[in-house]
């Protein structure tokens, strides 16, 4: 299979690890659509701008246990798009740490 064929099929957007001791870490209706590629959500750093279903605990910790955004097979493009916001956050921090 050529690289072009792989990109066309988009296998790089989906991975499932049923041997993981935590699989599935979130309950979903269709287990075959459970995506493990973003095992730990890269959007956690966005706080309340991630777009997911979360709560903050009494201690101020973000609890994402009821969010399935990173594990939905078709959400790869959404996550990649949101990662640009994290890149912008990092740029601001590097350019001017006082700006936050």
Protein backbone atom coordinates (compact mmCIF):
# COMPACT_ATOMS: atom_id res chain seq x y z
CA UNK A 1 0.00 0.00 0.00
CA UNK A 2 1.39 3.41 -0.94
CA UNK A 3 1.48 6.42 1.38
CA UNK A 4 -1.19 8.09 -0.76
CA UNK A 5 -3.50 5.11 -0.33
CA UNK A 6 -2.97 5.15 3.44
CA UNK A 7 -3.76 8.87 3.66
CA UNK A 8 -6.87 8.35 1.51
CA UNK A 9 -8.13 5.62 3.86
CA UNK A 10 -7.12 7.69 6.92
CA UNK A 11 -5.93 4.77 9.03
CA UNK A 12 -3.71 7.23 10.91
CA UNK A 13 -6.83 8.75 12.50
CA UNK A 14 -7.91 5.63 14.35
CA UNK A 15 -6.33 3.14 16.75
CA UNK A 16 -7.88 0.74 19.21
CA UNK A 17 -6.02 -1.12 21.96
CA UNK A 18 -8.33 -3.74 23.46
CA UNK A 19 -5.41 -5.19 25.43
CA UNK A 20 -5.08 -2.02 27.51
CA UNK A 21 -5.92 -2.66 31.15
CA UNK A 22 -8.15 0.43 31.11
CA UNK A 23 -10.02 -0.38 27.88
CA UNK A 24 -12.58 0.99 27.52
CA UNK A 25 -11.88 3.92 29.80
CA UNK A 26 -15.20 5.56 28.85
CA UNK A 27 -18.55 3.91 28.11
CA UNK A 28 -19.73 4.30 24.54
CA UNK A 29 -22.69 2.92 22.61
CA UNK A 30 -20.61 1.52 19.75
CA UNK A 31 -17.44 -0.08 21.12
CA UNK A 32 -16.04 -0.68 17.62
CA UNK A 33 -15.90 3.11 17.14
CA UNK A 34 -13.87 3.64 20.34
CA UNK A 35 -10.66 5.44 19.38
CA UNK A 36 -7.57 5.13 21.59
CA UNK A 37 -5.33 7.42 19.53
CA UNK A 38 -5.84 10.26 22.03
CA UNK A 39 -5.61 8.09 25.13
CA UNK A 40 -4.95 11.16 27.26
CA UNK A 41 -6.93 14.08 25.90
CA UNK A 42 -4.63 16.71 24.40
CA UNK A 43 -7.38 19.29 24.93
CA UNK A 44 -7.24 19.11 28.73
CA UNK A 45 -5.00 22.19 28.76
CA UNK A 46 -7.74 24.28 27.12
CA UNK A 47 -9.77 24.23 30.33
CA UNK A 48 -13.36 25.23 29.64
CA UNK A 49 -12.58 25.93 25.96
CA UNK A 50 -12.07 22.27 25.00
CA UNK A 51 -15.69 21.76 23.94
CA UNK A 52 -16.11 18.61 26.00
CA UNK A 53 -18.50 17.49 28.72
CA UNK A 54 -16.61 17.96 31.99
CA UNK A 55 -16.99 19.31 35.51
CA UNK A 56 -14.59 20.88 37.97
CA UNK A 57 -14.29 19.11 41.29
CA UNK A 58 -14.53 20.96 44.61
CA UNK A 59 -10.72 21.14 44.55
CA UNK A 60 -10.74 22.81 41.12
CA UNK A 61 -9.56 19.75 39.18
CA UNK A 62 -11.04 19.22 35.73
CA UNK A 63 -12.92 15.88 35.67
CA UNK A 64 -13.44 14.58 32.12
CA UNK A 65 -14.72 11.13 33.04
CA UNK A 66 -18.04 11.75 31.26
CA UNK A 67 -16.46 13.14 28.08
CA UNK A 68 -15.92 10.94 25.05
CA UNK A 69 -14.73 13.56 22.53
CA UNK A 70 -11.16 12.18 22.22
CA UNK A 71 -12.48 8.61 21.91
CA UNK A 72 -15.05 9.11 19.16
CA UNK A 73 -13.65 7.73 15.94
CA UNK A 74 -14.82 10.70 13.85
CA UNK A 75 -13.43 13.43 16.16
CA UNK A 76 -9.79 13.27 15.00
CA UNK A 77 -10.11 16.40 12.83
CA UNK A 78 -11.88 18.28 15.66
CA UNK A 79 -9.01 17.52 18.06
CA UNK A 80 -6.33 18.52 15.54
CA UNK A 81 -8.15 21.81 14.88
CA UNK A 82 -8.42 22.55 18.61
CA UNK A 83 -4.70 21.82 19.07
CA UNK A 84 -4.04 25.07 17.21
CA UNK A 85 -5.52 26.89 20.22
CA UNK A 86 -2.96 25.20 22.48
CA UNK A 87 -0.17 26.26 20.11
CA UNK A 88 -1.42 29.85 20.33
CA UNK A 89 -1.49 29.63 24.14
CA UNK A 90 2.13 28.47 24.13
CA UNK A 91 3.17 31.27 21.76
CA UNK A 92 1.64 33.88 24.07
CA UNK A 93 3.38 32.35 27.08
CA UNK A 94 6.76 32.28 25.34
CA UNK A 95 6.44 35.75 23.82
CA UNK A 96 5.07 37.47 26.92
CA UNK A 97 4.72 35.40 30.12
CA UNK A 98 2.85 38.28 31.79
CA UNK A 99 0.06 38.28 29.13
CA UNK A 100 -1.71 35.02 30.08
